[in-house]
Protein backbone atom coordinates (compact mmCIF):
# COMPACT_ATOMS: atom_id res chain seq x y z
CA MET A 1 13.22 81.52 -28.31
CA ILE A 2 13.00 80.03 -31.81
CA VAL A 3 12.70 83.22 -33.85
CA HIS A 4 15.65 85.60 -33.63
CA VAL A 5 15.33 87.26 -37.04
CA LEU A 6 12.43 88.79 -38.96
CA ALA A 7 13.30 89.47 -42.61
CA VAL A 8 10.76 91.56 -44.53
CA ASP A 9 10.26 92.75 -48.06
CA TYR A 10 9.44 96.44 -48.52
CA ASP A 11 6.91 97.39 -51.22
CA GLY A 12 3.61 95.59 -50.80
CA THR A 13 4.75 93.90 -47.61
CA ILE A 14 5.52 96.57 -44.99
CA ALA A 15 5.00 99.61 -47.23
CA ASP A 16 1.88 100.93 -48.97
CA HIS A 17 2.59 103.22 -51.94
CA GLY A 18 6.23 103.34 -50.88
CA ARG A 19 5.60 104.45 -47.29
CA VAL A 20 5.77 102.66 -43.94
CA SER A 21 2.90 103.70 -41.66
CA ASP A 22 3.39 104.58 -38.01
CA THR A 23 1.45 101.45 -37.04
CA THR A 24 3.75 99.20 -39.06
CA ALA A 25 6.86 100.98 -37.80
CA ALA A 26 5.68 100.54 -34.20
CA ALA A 27 5.18 96.80 -34.77
CA LEU A 28 8.70 96.46 -36.21
CA MET A 29 10.12 98.34 -33.24
CA ARG A 30 8.33 95.95 -30.85
CA VAL A 31 10.12 93.09 -32.59
CA ARG A 32 13.50 94.77 -32.04
CA GLU A 33 12.63 95.62 -28.43
CA SER A 34 11.90 91.92 -27.82
CA GLY A 35 15.58 91.18 -28.50
CA ARG A 36 15.05 89.98 -32.07
CA ARG A 37 16.68 91.43 -35.19
CA VAL A 38 14.73 92.97 -38.07
CA LEU A 39 16.22 92.81 -41.58
CA LEU A 40 14.89 94.54 -44.67
CA VAL A 41 15.39 92.82 -48.03
CA THR A 42 14.24 94.87 -51.00
CA GLY A 43 14.83 95.48 -54.68
CA ARG A 44 15.05 99.25 -54.14
CA LEU A 45 18.27 101.26 -54.39
CA LEU A 46 19.64 102.58 -51.10
CA PRO A 47 19.31 106.33 -51.92
CA ASP A 48 15.74 105.76 -53.07
CA LEU A 49 14.97 103.76 -49.93
CA ARG A 50 16.28 106.53 -47.70
CA GLU A 51 14.03 108.97 -49.52
CA VAL A 52 10.82 106.98 -49.00
CA CYS A 53 11.74 105.55 -45.58
CA PRO A 54 13.68 108.14 -43.54
CA ARG A 55 13.58 105.87 -40.45
CA VAL A 56 15.50 103.05 -42.16
CA ASP A 57 18.46 103.28 -39.75
CA GLU A 58 16.13 103.18 -36.76
CA LEU A 59 13.89 100.31 -37.87
CA PHE A 60 16.37 97.76 -39.20
CA ASP A 61 19.48 95.94 -37.99
CA ALA A 62 20.58 95.27 -41.57
CA VAL A 63 19.29 96.28 -44.98
CA VAL A 64 19.74 94.27 -48.17
CA VAL A 65 19.02 96.40 -51.21
CA GLU A 66 19.19 95.92 -54.97
CA ASN A 67 17.50 92.53 -54.67
CA GLY A 68 20.35 90.90 -52.76
CA ALA A 69 23.30 92.67 -54.37
CA VAL A 70 24.15 95.24 -51.69
CA LEU A 71 24.26 94.99 -47.89
CA TYR A 72 23.92 98.06 -45.68
CA LEU A 73 24.64 97.91 -41.92
CA PRO A 74 23.04 100.94 -40.23
CA ASP A 75 24.91 100.76 -36.92
CA ARG A 76 28.24 100.85 -38.79
CA ARG A 77 27.10 103.10 -41.66
CA GLU A 78 28.77 100.48 -43.83
CA VAL A 79 27.84 99.47 -47.39
CA LYS A 80 29.08 96.16 -48.87
CA LEU A 81 28.76 95.22 -52.53
CA LEU A 82 27.89 91.55 -52.86
CA ALA A 83 28.31 91.41 -56.66
CA ASP A 84 29.91 93.27 -59.56
CA ALA A 85 28.85 96.69 -60.85
CA PRO A 86 26.87 96.97 -64.12
CA GLU A 87 29.01 96.24 -67.17
CA PRO A 88 29.58 99.26 -69.48
CA ALA A 89 28.83 97.06 -72.51
CA LEU A 90 25.40 96.26 -71.08
CA VAL A 91 24.63 99.91 -70.35
CA ASP A 92 25.55 100.83 -73.93
CA ALA A 93 23.41 98.03 -75.36
CA LEU A 94 20.39 99.11 -73.31
CA GLU A 95 20.77 102.71 -74.43
CA ARG A 96 20.95 101.68 -78.09
CA ARG A 97 17.66 99.85 -77.65
CA HIS A 98 16.08 102.86 -75.92
CA VAL A 99 15.39 100.91 -72.75
CA PRO A 100 14.78 103.32 -69.84
CA PHE A 101 16.66 102.13 -66.77
CA ASP A 102 18.02 103.07 -63.36
CA LEU A 103 21.56 102.14 -62.38
CA GLY A 104 22.40 100.99 -58.90
CA SER A 105 25.72 99.90 -57.49
CA VAL A 106 25.04 96.47 -58.99
CA ILE A 107 21.48 96.33 -60.25
CA VAL A 108 20.00 97.62 -63.49
CA GLY A 109 16.29 98.34 -63.08
CA THR A 110 13.59 98.91 -65.69
CA ALA A 111 9.92 98.12 -66.32
CA ALA A 112 8.67 94.59 -67.00
CA ALA A 113 7.39 95.75 -70.39
CA PHE A 114 11.01 96.06 -71.59
CA ALA A 115 11.91 92.43 -70.91
CA GLU A 116 12.54 91.49 -74.56
CA PRO A 117 14.88 94.38 -75.48
CA ALA A 118 16.62 93.99 -72.11
CA LEU A 119 17.29 90.31 -72.83
CA ALA A 120 18.55 91.21 -76.30
CA ALA A 121 20.92 93.77 -74.76
CA ILE A 122 22.30 91.11 -72.39
CA ARG A 123 22.94 88.79 -75.31
CA GLU A 124 24.61 91.52 -77.35
CA ALA A 125 26.86 92.54 -74.45
CA GLY A 126 27.78 88.92 -73.76
CA VAL A 127 27.44 89.31 -69.99
CA GLU A 128 25.87 87.10 -67.34
CA ARG A 129 22.74 88.86 -66.13
CA THR A 130 19.45 87.37 -64.97
CA LEU A 131 16.00 88.89 -65.48
CA VAL A 132 14.08 89.07 -62.20
CA PHE A 133 10.47 90.25 -62.21
CA ASN A 134 8.81 92.08 -59.35
CA LYS A 135 5.21 92.67 -60.38
CA GLY A 136 5.51 95.56 -62.85
CA SER A 137 9.25 96.01 -62.43
CA LEU A 138 12.19 94.21 -63.97
CA MET A 139 15.70 93.85 -62.53
CA LEU A 140 18.85 92.81 -64.37
CA LEU A 141 21.11 91.11 -61.85
CA PRO A 142 24.39 89.21 -61.99
CA GLY A 143 23.88 85.46 -62.20
CA GLY A 144 23.11 83.84 -58.84
CA VAL A 145 22.25 87.07 -57.01
CA THR A 146 18.86 86.90 -55.29
CA LYS A 147 17.17 88.15 -52.18
CA GLY A 148 18.06 84.77 -50.70
CA THR A 149 21.80 85.23 -51.24
CA GLY A 150 21.54 88.73 -49.81
CA LEU A 151 19.75 87.47 -46.71
CA ASP A 152 22.39 84.77 -46.27
CA ALA A 153 25.13 87.40 -46.44
CA ALA A 154 23.36 89.54 -43.83
CA LEU A 155 22.87 86.59 -41.49
CA ASP A 156 26.52 85.55 -41.84
CA THR A 157 27.66 89.09 -41.08
CA LEU A 158 25.49 89.24 -37.95
CA ARG A 159 26.43 85.65 -36.97
CA LEU A 160 22.82 84.55 -37.06
CA SER A 161 21.19 81.47 -38.55
CA ARG A 162 18.57 80.97 -41.23
CA HIS A 163 17.07 78.31 -38.93
CA ASN A 164 15.98 81.07 -36.55
CA THR A 165 14.63 83.32 -39.31
CA VAL A 166 11.11 84.22 -40.43
CA ALA A 167 10.75 85.88 -43.86
CA ILE A 168 7.69 87.71 -45.19
CA GLY A 169 7.10 88.74 -48.81
CA ASP A 170 4.51 89.34 -51.50
CA ALA A 171 6.04 89.21 -55.00
CA GLU A 172 7.83 86.97 -57.51
CA ASN A 173 11.30 88.01 -56.39
CA ASP A 174 10.49 86.97 -52.80
CA HIS A 175 10.60 83.25 -53.60
CA ALA A 176 14.36 83.14 -52.95
CA LEU A 177 13.89 85.13 -49.73
CA LEU A 178 11.31 82.70 -48.37
CA ALA A 179 13.36 79.69 -49.51
CA VAL A 180 16.28 80.68 -47.26
CA ALA A 181 14.21 81.27 -44.12
CA GLU A 182 13.11 78.55 -41.71
CA PHE A 183 9.55 79.89 -41.73
CA ALA A 184 8.12 81.32 -44.95
CA ILE A 185 5.22 83.79 -44.68
CA ALA A 186 3.23 85.41 -47.49
CA VAL A 187 0.83 88.29 -47.05
CA GLU A 188 -2.77 87.69 -48.12
CA ASP A 189 -2.46 89.65 -51.39
CA ALA A 190 0.86 88.08 -52.44
CA VAL A 191 1.17 86.54 -55.89
CA PRO A 192 -0.53 83.09 -55.92
CA ALA A 193 2.69 81.10 -56.40
CA LEU A 194 4.22 82.68 -53.30
CA ARG A 195 1.13 81.95 -51.23
CA ASP A 196 1.24 78.34 -52.40
CA ARG A 197 4.82 77.80 -51.18
CA ALA A 198 4.46 79.68 -47.88
CA ASP A 199 4.20 77.96 -44.51
CA HIS A 200 1.57 80.52 -43.50
CA VAL A 201 -0.49 83.18 -45.29
CA THR A 202 -1.64 86.17 -43.29
CA PRO A 203 -5.42 86.70 -43.21
CA GLU A 204 -4.99 90.37 -44.15
CA PRO A 205 -3.09 92.00 -47.04
CA GLY A 206 0.18 93.88 -47.05
CA PRO A 207 1.27 95.83 -43.97
CA ARG A 208 -1.93 94.99 -42.06
CA GLY A 209 -1.11 91.32 -42.49
CA VAL A 210 2.47 91.88 -41.28
CA VAL A 211 1.35 93.77 -38.18
CA ARG A 212 -1.23 91.11 -37.37
CA PHE A 213 1.35 88.34 -37.84
CA ILE A 214 3.80 90.08 -35.50
CA GLU A 215 1.15 90.53 -32.82
CA LEU A 216 -0.39 87.06 -33.00
CA HIS A 217 2.55 84.84 -33.87
CA LEU A 218 6.04 86.30 -34.00
CA LEU A 219 6.06 87.83 -30.51
CA ASP A 220 4.65 84.50 -29.28
CA ASP A 221 7.59 82.70 -30.95
CA LEU A 222 5.28 81.02 -33.48
CA ALA A 223 3.86 78.76 -30.77
CA ALA A 224 0.74 77.95 -32.81
CA LEU A 225 2.52 77.63 -36.17
CA VAL A 226 5.66 75.61 -35.41
CA PRO A 227 3.85 72.26 -34.98
CA ARG A 228 2.28 72.68 -38.44
CA VAL A 229 5.60 73.18 -40.22
CA THR A 230 6.88 69.64 -40.73
CA ARG A 231 9.19 70.16 -43.70
CA HIS A 232 12.19 70.52 -41.36
CA ASP A 233 11.55 67.29 -39.43
CA LEU A 234 14.61 65.08 -38.96
CA PRO A 235 14.33 61.48 -40.25
CA ILE A 236 16.02 58.98 -37.94
CA GLY A 237 14.72 55.70 -39.36
CA GLU A 238 11.88 53.78 -41.02
CA ASP A 239 8.98 51.80 -39.59
CA GLY A 240 7.98 48.33 -40.73
CA ASP A 241 6.02 49.73 -43.69
CA GLY A 242 8.96 51.78 -44.95
CA ASN A 243 7.53 55.09 -43.71
CA PRO A 244 10.06 57.56 -42.33
CA VAL A 245 10.20 58.05 -38.58
CA ARG A 246 10.93 61.69 -37.86
CA VAL A 247 11.39 64.03 -34.93
CA PRO A 248 10.59 67.75 -35.21
CA ALA A 249 13.56 70.08 -35.62
CA HIS A 250 12.04 72.52 -33.11
CA ARG A 251 10.82 72.06 -29.54
CA THR A 252 11.80 68.38 -29.47
CA ARG A 253 12.98 67.17 -26.07
CA LEU A 254 14.10 63.64 -26.77
CA LEU A 255 14.92 61.02 -24.16
CA VAL A 256 17.05 58.08 -25.35
CA VAL A 257 17.19 55.20 -22.86
CA GLY A 258 18.72 51.74 -22.91
CA PRO A 259 21.42 49.57 -21.37
CA SER A 260 25.06 49.81 -22.36
CA GLU A 261 25.96 48.43 -25.77
CA SER A 262 22.31 48.36 -26.91
CA GLY A 263 22.71 50.88 -29.75
CA LYS A 264 21.94 54.22 -28.10
CA SER A 265 25.07 55.78 -29.58
CA THR A 266 24.18 54.57 -33.07
CA LEU A 267 20.76 56.20 -32.73
CA THR A 268 22.36 59.41 -31.46
CA GLY A 269 24.88 59.31 -34.31
CA ALA A 270 22.03 59.09 -36.84
CA LEU A 271 20.40 62.15 -35.26
CA VAL A 272 23.68 64.08 -35.33
CA GLU A 273 24.19 63.29 -39.02
CA ARG A 274 20.70 64.62 -39.81
CA LEU A 275 21.55 67.84 -37.93
CA VAL A 276 24.77 68.21 -39.92
CA ASP A 277 22.94 67.52 -43.20
CA ALA A 278 20.40 70.24 -42.36
CA GLY A 279 23.08 72.76 -41.38
CA ARG A 280 21.86 72.96 -37.79
CA SER A 281 24.37 73.64 -35.04
CA PHE A 282 24.65 71.45 -31.97
CA CYS A 283 26.63 70.97 -28.78
CA LEU A 284 27.19 67.41 -27.57
CA ILE A 285 28.45 66.79 -24.04
CA ASP A 286 30.30 63.47 -24.22
CA PRO A 287 31.41 62.27 -20.74
CA GLU A 288 32.87 58.94 -21.89
CA GLY A 289 34.50 59.90 -25.20
CA ASP A 290 32.06 57.86 -27.30
CA TYR A 291 31.72 60.34 -30.17
CA GLN A 292 35.30 61.02 -31.27
CA MET A 293 34.48 59.71 -34.76
CA LEU A 294 32.16 62.68 -35.37
CA THR A 295 35.23 64.69 -36.34
CA GLU A 296 34.82 63.10 -39.77
CA LEU A 297 31.57 65.02 -40.30
CA SER A 298 31.83 68.39 -42.02
CA GLY A 299 31.84 71.32 -39.61
CA VAL A 300 32.10 69.20 -36.45
CA VAL A 301 34.87 69.92 -33.93
CA VAL A 302 35.73 67.54 -31.07
CA LEU A 303 37.66 69.04 -28.18
CA GLY A 304 39.06 67.35 -25.09
CA GLY A 305 39.73 63.68 -24.47
CA LYS A 306 43.47 63.88 -25.12
CA ALA A 307 46.42 65.52 -23.46
CA ASP A 308 46.97 67.67 -26.54
CA SER A 309 43.29 68.63 -26.91
CA VAL A 310 42.33 70.99 -24.10
CA LEU A 311 38.69 71.69 -23.33
CA PRO A 312 37.67 75.27 -24.18
CA THR A 313 37.51 77.99 -21.55
CA ALA A 314 34.27 79.87 -20.83
CA ASP A 315 35.15 82.63 -23.31
CA GLU A 316 36.15 80.11 -25.98
CA LEU A 317 32.93 78.17 -25.41
CA ASP A 318 30.90 81.32 -25.95
CA GLN A 319 32.55 81.89 -29.33
CA LEU A 320 32.31 78.25 -30.43
CA LEU A 321 28.62 77.95 -29.54
CA ARG A 322 27.56 80.97 -31.61
CA ARG A 323 28.75 79.60 -34.95
CA PRO A 324 25.95 78.78 -37.43
CA ARG A 325 26.10 75.41 -39.22
CA SER A 326 28.66 73.91 -36.83
CA GLY A 327 28.84 71.10 -34.32
CA LEU A 328 30.82 71.04 -31.08
CA VAL A 329 31.57 67.81 -29.21
CA LEU A 330 33.09 68.15 -25.74
CA ASN A 331 34.94 64.96 -24.80
CA LEU A 332 35.16 64.85 -21.00
CA SER A 333 36.56 61.32 -20.78
CA THR A 334 39.85 62.35 -19.13
CA LEU A 335 38.14 64.19 -16.25
CA ARG A 336 37.12 62.77 -12.89
CA LEU A 337 33.35 62.38 -12.41
CA ALA A 338 33.04 65.45 -10.20
CA ASP A 339 34.99 67.52 -12.73
CA LYS A 340 32.83 66.20 -15.57
CA VAL A 341 29.68 67.36 -13.80
CA GLU A 342 31.21 70.75 -13.01
CA TYR A 343 32.37 71.31 -16.61
CA ALA A 344 29.03 70.14 -17.98
CA ALA A 345 27.22 72.67 -15.76
CA LYS A 346 29.45 75.46 -17.05
CA THR A 347 28.73 74.33 -20.60
CA LEU A 348 24.97 74.38 -19.99
CA ALA A 349 25.20 77.95 -18.72
CA ALA A 350 27.17 78.95 -21.81
CA VAL A 351 24.65 77.22 -24.09
CA GLY A 352 21.80 79.11 -22.42
CA ALA A 353 23.54 82.46 -22.88
CA ALA A 354 24.37 81.73 -26.53
CA ARG A 355 20.84 80.64 -27.27
CA ASN A 356 19.38 83.76 -25.70
CA ALA A 357 21.66 85.91 -27.84
CA GLY A 358 21.26 84.23 -31.23
CA GLY A 359 19.39 80.93 -31.01
CA MET A 360 22.45 78.71 -31.31
CA PRO A 361 23.35 75.95 -30.79
CA HIS A 362 20.09 74.65 -32.22
CA TRP A 363 20.37 71.32 -30.39
CA LEU A 364 21.89 70.37 -27.06
CA ILE A 365 22.77 66.67 -26.70
CA ILE A 366 23.86 65.24 -23.34
CA ASP A 367 25.19 61.69 -23.16
CA GLU A 368 25.31 59.88 -19.81
CA ALA A 369 22.72 62.41 -18.63
CA HIS A 370 22.39 60.64 -15.26
CA HIS A 371 25.89 61.91 -14.39
CA VAL A 372 24.92 65.52 -15.11
CA PHE A 373 21.39 65.29 -13.65
CA PRO A 374 21.61 62.54 -10.99
CA ARG A 375 18.55 61.26 -9.16
CA ASP A 376 19.51 63.01 -5.92
CA GLY A 377 19.44 66.37 -7.72
CA SER A 378 21.83 68.85 -9.30
CA PRO A 379 21.87 72.64 -9.77
CA ALA A 380 22.39 71.90 -13.49
CA THR A 381 18.71 70.96 -13.84
CA GLU A 382 17.74 74.62 -13.48
CA LEU A 383 19.75 75.43 -16.61
CA VAL A 384 17.74 73.25 -18.99
CA HIS A 385 14.51 71.78 -17.67
CA ARG A 386 12.39 74.86 -18.48
CA ASP A 387 14.07 75.58 -21.83
CA PRO A 388 11.82 74.59 -24.79
CA ALA A 389 14.77 74.55 -27.21
CA PRO A 390 15.67 71.14 -28.74
CA LEU A 391 17.33 68.79 -26.29
CA CYS A 392 18.42 65.15 -26.37
CA LEU A 393 19.14 63.29 -23.12
CA ILE A 394 20.82 59.89 -23.30
CA THR A 395 20.78 57.68 -20.23
CA LEU A 396 20.69 54.10 -19.00
CA ASP A 397 17.35 54.39 -17.24
CA VAL A 398 14.87 57.18 -16.54
CA ASP A 399 14.91 56.28 -12.82
CA LYS A 400 18.51 57.45 -12.65
CA LEU A 401 17.56 61.03 -13.61
CA ALA A 402 16.61 63.90 -11.31
CA ARG A 403 12.83 64.21 -10.99
CA GLU A 404 12.85 67.63 -12.67
CA MET A 405 14.35 66.08 -15.79
CA THR A 406 11.51 63.55 -16.05
CA LEU A 407 9.24 66.52 -16.75
CA VAL A 408 11.29 67.45 -19.82
CA PRO A 409 10.82 64.79 -22.55
CA ASN A 410 8.06 64.93 -25.14
CA VAL A 411 9.53 62.04 -27.16
CA VAL A 412 10.98 58.81 -25.78
CA THR A 413 12.98 56.29 -27.74
CA SER A 414 14.87 53.21 -26.71
CA THR A 415 16.96 50.43 -28.19
CA ASP A 416 15.66 47.95 -25.62
CA LEU A 417 11.97 47.10 -25.02
CA PRO A 418 12.20 46.52 -21.24
CA ALA A 419 14.03 49.84 -20.86
CA PHE A 420 11.39 51.50 -23.07
CA ASP A 421 8.56 50.17 -20.88
CA ARG A 422 10.36 51.20 -17.69
CA ALA A 423 10.91 54.69 -19.09
CA LEU A 424 7.25 55.14 -20.01
CA ALA A 425 6.15 53.80 -16.62
CA GLY A 426 8.58 56.08 -14.82
CA LEU A 427 7.43 59.13 -16.76
CA ALA A 428 3.77 58.28 -16.16
CA ASN A 429 4.47 57.98 -12.44
CA ALA A 430 6.31 61.33 -12.34
CA ARG A 431 3.88 63.21 -14.59
CA ARG A 432 0.30 62.71 -13.56
CA ASP A 433 -0.97 64.86 -16.44
CA LEU A 434 0.11 62.34 -19.09
CA PRO A 435 -2.55 60.18 -20.74
CA PRO A 436 -2.14 56.38 -20.62
CA LEU A 437 1.10 55.70 -22.41
CA PRO A 438 1.43 53.02 -25.08
CA ARG A 439 3.39 49.83 -24.94
CA ILE A 440 4.94 47.82 -27.77
CA SER A 441 4.47 44.08 -27.65
CA GLY A 442 6.10 41.36 -29.68
CA GLU A 443 9.62 40.14 -30.16
CA PRO A 444 12.58 41.90 -28.51
CA LEU A 445 14.13 44.67 -30.54
CA GLY A 446 16.73 43.36 -32.95
CA GLN A 447 20.07 44.90 -33.74
CA GLY A 448 19.53 48.29 -35.36
CA GLU A 449 15.93 48.55 -34.12
CA ALA A 450 14.42 51.01 -31.66
CA ALA A 451 11.05 51.91 -30.16
CA ILE A 452 9.66 55.43 -30.04
CA ALA A 453 6.68 57.13 -28.39
CA TRP A 454 5.42 60.69 -28.63
CA LEU A 455 4.06 62.04 -25.36
CA ASP A 456 2.41 65.18 -26.74
CA GLY A 457 0.23 63.72 -29.47
CA SER A 458 2.47 65.03 -32.26
CA GLY A 459 3.08 61.59 -33.80
CA THR A 460 1.94 57.98 -33.80
CA ALA A 461 1.45 56.84 -30.20
CA ALA A 462 4.26 54.28 -30.31
CA THR A 463 6.05 52.21 -32.89
CA ARG A 464 9.16 50.20 -33.49
CA PHE A 465 11.49 51.24 -36.30
CA ARG A 466 14.83 50.52 -37.89
CA VAL A 467 17.39 53.21 -37.11
CA THR A 468 19.04 54.91 -40.07
CA ARG A 469 22.54 53.55 -40.26
CA PRO A 470 25.00 56.40 -39.69
CA ARG A 471 27.42 57.07 -42.52
CA ILE A 472 30.18 57.11 -39.96
CA GLU A 473 29.85 53.94 -37.95
CA HIS A 474 30.09 54.64 -34.25
CA ARG A 475 32.71 52.51 -32.55
CA ARG A 476 32.21 52.61 -28.82
CA HIS A 477 35.32 53.26 -26.76
CA ALA A 478 37.56 52.76 -29.79
CA LYS A 479 40.58 54.13 -27.94
CA LYS A 480 40.02 51.75 -25.06
CA TYR A 481 39.89 48.78 -27.39
CA THR A 482 42.90 49.86 -29.45
CA GLU A 483 45.24 51.28 -26.83
CA GLY A 484 43.79 50.48 -23.40
CA GLU A 485 43.94 47.25 -21.44
CA LEU A 486 41.00 44.89 -21.25
CA PRO A 487 40.73 42.79 -18.06
CA PRO A 488 41.93 39.16 -18.21
CA ASP A 489 38.44 37.72 -18.63
CA ARG A 490 37.81 39.94 -21.70
CA SER A 491 41.22 39.61 -23.33
CA PHE A 492 41.94 37.30 -26.27
CA TYR A 493 44.27 34.31 -25.75
CA PHE A 494 46.20 32.64 -28.55
CA ARG A 495 46.48 29.05 -27.23
CA GLY A 496 46.60 26.92 -30.39
CA GLU A 497 44.92 23.57 -31.00
CA GLN A 498 47.03 21.74 -28.42
CA GLY A 499 46.83 24.52 -25.81
CA THR A 500 50.60 24.91 -25.76
CA LEU A 501 50.48 28.73 -26.03
CA ASN A 502 49.08 31.35 -23.68
CA LEU A 503 49.57 34.69 -25.46
CA ARG A 504 47.25 37.38 -24.10
CA ALA A 505 46.01 40.23 -26.31
CA VAL A 506 44.79 43.06 -24.04
CA ASN A 507 43.71 45.31 -26.91
CA LEU A 508 43.48 45.40 -30.69
CA VAL A 509 47.01 46.70 -31.17
CA ARG A 510 48.42 43.77 -29.19
CA PHE A 511 46.03 41.38 -30.95
CA CYS A 512 47.38 42.38 -34.37
CA GLU A 513 50.97 42.11 -33.19
CA LEU A 514 50.45 38.60 -31.80
CA ALA A 515 48.36 37.51 -34.79
CA GLU A 516 51.22 38.52 -37.08
CA GLY A 517 53.70 36.50 -35.02
CA VAL A 518 51.94 33.23 -34.25
CA ASP A 519 52.42 30.28 -36.56
CA GLU A 520 50.02 29.67 -39.42
CA ALA A 521 48.36 26.64 -37.80
CA THR A 522 47.56 28.55 -34.59
CA PHE A 523 46.14 31.54 -36.46
CA THR A 524 44.00 29.36 -38.72
CA TYR A 525 42.79 27.21 -35.81
CA HIS A 526 41.26 30.18 -33.98
CA LEU A 527 39.92 31.67 -37.19
CA ARG A 528 38.05 28.51 -38.29
CA ARG A 529 36.61 27.97 -34.77
CA GLY A 530 35.15 31.50 -34.84
CA ASP A 531 37.21 32.59 -31.84
CA TYR A 532 38.21 35.89 -33.43
CA SER A 533 34.72 36.86 -34.53
CA ARG A 534 33.26 35.80 -31.17
CA TRP A 535 35.76 38.01 -29.31
CA LEU A 536 35.14 40.94 -31.62
CA ARG A 537 31.38 40.56 -31.24
CA GLU A 538 31.19 39.98 -27.50
CA GLU A 539 34.13 41.90 -26.06
CA ILE A 540 34.95 44.58 -28.65
CA LYS A 541 31.21 45.10 -29.30
CA ASP A 542 31.65 45.29 -33.05
CA PRO A 543 29.24 42.82 -34.70
CA GLU A 544 29.86 44.14 -38.21
CA LEU A 545 33.60 43.52 -37.99
CA ALA A 546 32.85 40.10 -36.51
CA ASP A 547 30.63 39.30 -39.50
CA GLU A 548 33.39 40.40 -41.86
CA ILE A 549 35.89 38.10 -40.14
CA ASP A 550 33.39 35.22 -40.38
CA SER A 551 33.11 35.85 -44.12
CA ILE A 552 36.87 35.73 -44.48
CA ALA A 553 37.01 32.48 -42.49
CA ALA A 554 34.33 30.92 -44.72
CA ALA A 555 36.45 31.35 -47.87
CA LEU A 556 38.04 27.90 -47.81
CA ASP A 557 39.68 28.27 -51.23
CA VAL A 558 41.93 31.13 -50.04
CA ALA A 559 45.48 30.38 -48.93
CA PRO A 560 46.09 30.69 -45.14
CA ALA A 561 48.62 33.49 -45.59
CA GLU A 562 46.13 35.51 -47.66
CA THR A 563 43.37 34.78 -45.11
CA ARG A 564 45.54 36.19 -42.32
CA ARG A 565 46.34 39.28 -44.41
CA ARG A 566 42.67 39.92 -45.12
CA ALA A 567 41.56 39.45 -41.51
CA LEU A 568 44.20 41.75 -40.06
CA GLY A 569 43.60 44.25 -42.85
CA ALA A 570 39.90 44.42 -41.93
CA ILE A 571 40.74 45.17 -38.29
CA ARG A 572 43.36 47.77 -39.16
CA ARG A 573 41.13 49.60 -41.63
CA ARG A 574 38.35 49.85 -39.08
CA TYR A 575 40.43 50.87 -36.08
CA ALA A 576 43.56 52.40 -37.63
CA VAL A 577 45.88 50.11 -35.64
C-alpha cells in the first residue's frame, strides 16, 4: 500500500457551507476502515470546528487547526500548541485600528478586507506575524507556521511519513499543505494557482470531487495516478546526451546484476544516497558487509558486522523499521550462510509488517539476493515477490535466483553487458508475457557505466548511462583489505631491485608498516615501476587510489622522502589505517 494518510482541508474541500454531508463522512470512514489514517488540516479554531462538525472525533485520526498552529489528537483528547499565543501588543494595535478579529490559541483571524490595517498593526507591535489569505478570510500567524508545518507535526506524532500522504485542498493557504504531501490533489473549483501545482485535479468540485477521488483512486492506492507523478523519480546517472536516468520512487522493483567487482555496489550506493536526499526510509540487507561506509550518511544506522555491534532482535527491528526519514543497514558478514538466510527471512517478515502498518521502510534493498532467494527455492520468496512496494535485488546472475523472483523486476540494470544480456534473456525465458526485450550493442561498459532496461514500458527501452558518483565512495570489503589476510598470490611483496628482500604485506595495515620500514631505494623502485598502483588496482580493487599513487609517482621533482609520505598519506586517508 502506497497511501497510508489522507490529509484534507475543511471548508470548500470536504465541507459545503461549513457542514460535512453524510455522503462525504461515509467516504472518509471508508478510508479509515481500509487501514489508512485521515487527517484534517484547517484554518478554523477548534471550538468552532466542533460546533460545525460534531463528528470530528469520529472522522479523523488527527486534527490540525488554526492553519497549522494547533494539533488535536482525538483518541487522546490532547491539544498541542505548535506556536506562540497572540502577542498582547498586537491585540492592542488591532483594536486601536478597529480591526474586527477572532482570537485562537495562536491564530488571529479577520477578513481579507482588513489586510492593510492588520499589517500596520503588526508593524506597530513589532512582532513577527505573517498574513495568510484564505479566499475571503485573513489569518495572522507566527512566522513559519503553515498548514504544511502542522501536517508535518501530525505525521511525526503518529510516526507516519509524508511520502505515504495524499493531501487535498482548494484555497490559497493549501499550497503549503500540498507541498508537504507526496501526492497533491486540488478539487475542481480550487483557486487556479492551486490547480496548476496539483498532481491531479478532481473532475468535480468540493466534497463531490473528494468523494469521487476516494472511490476511484485512493481506495485503489492511486494505481492509475502514480505512474503520471514523476517529480519524485530518483536520478541515478546520465545518458550519453546528458539526460538524467531516473527510476520511479514508487512501485519500482529493480534488479541489479553483474559479476563481482564490476561496480554493482557503486550503483547501489548512488541509489541509497538519492533515497537519503529525498528523506525516504530504507532497509538494506548486507550479507557481506559491503556497505559499512553508509554510516557517514545522515540518518543511516549500520548494525551488525562487529563483535560490539549486535544485530537487532525482532522487537528492535520493528521499532527501527517504522522510523520516517531513516536508513537501516543490517551487516550480516559475521554470520554463517545458513544464519544469514534465516536472519534475512526474519527481517523480510518484519519489513512486511512495518509496511502494512505505516508504509515504511519505503525501499527494501537486498544485496547478494541469490543467498536469500536461491535457485532451488526459499520460503523467503513468499514474503516479497507479490509486494508492489519498492525493492532492489542485487545479484551476480539472474539464473542464480529462485524462479518466483524472476517475476518481480520491472527494471533491470547491470554494470556488465554480458550479464545484462543474460539477465534479459533469463527474464524473457521465465516470463512469457514480456515483449521482445532490447539489447545494447557496442563497446563493453567502461568503469562507472551501466546499462538499464525498463520492462513495463515506463521508460526508454534500453540505454547505457554513466552512474552518478556517490558522495561517499564505496570501498568493497574495506575491513578485509585493512585488517584481514589476503592469500599469498594476492599479497604485496617488497623485494627491491635486486630481489634481495621478500617482505609480504597481507593487508593495507601491514603494507604501510613495511613501506615505512624499507629503505628509500626499495620503496622508490616499486613506486616508479607502478607496482603499488597495480596492486591497489587489481587486488585491493581501488582504481581511484591507484590513479592517485600513479600521480604521486609521476612527480619526478619531489624528494623521495616526500614522495613516500604522500603515498602513504593517501592510503591512510582513504582507509584510516
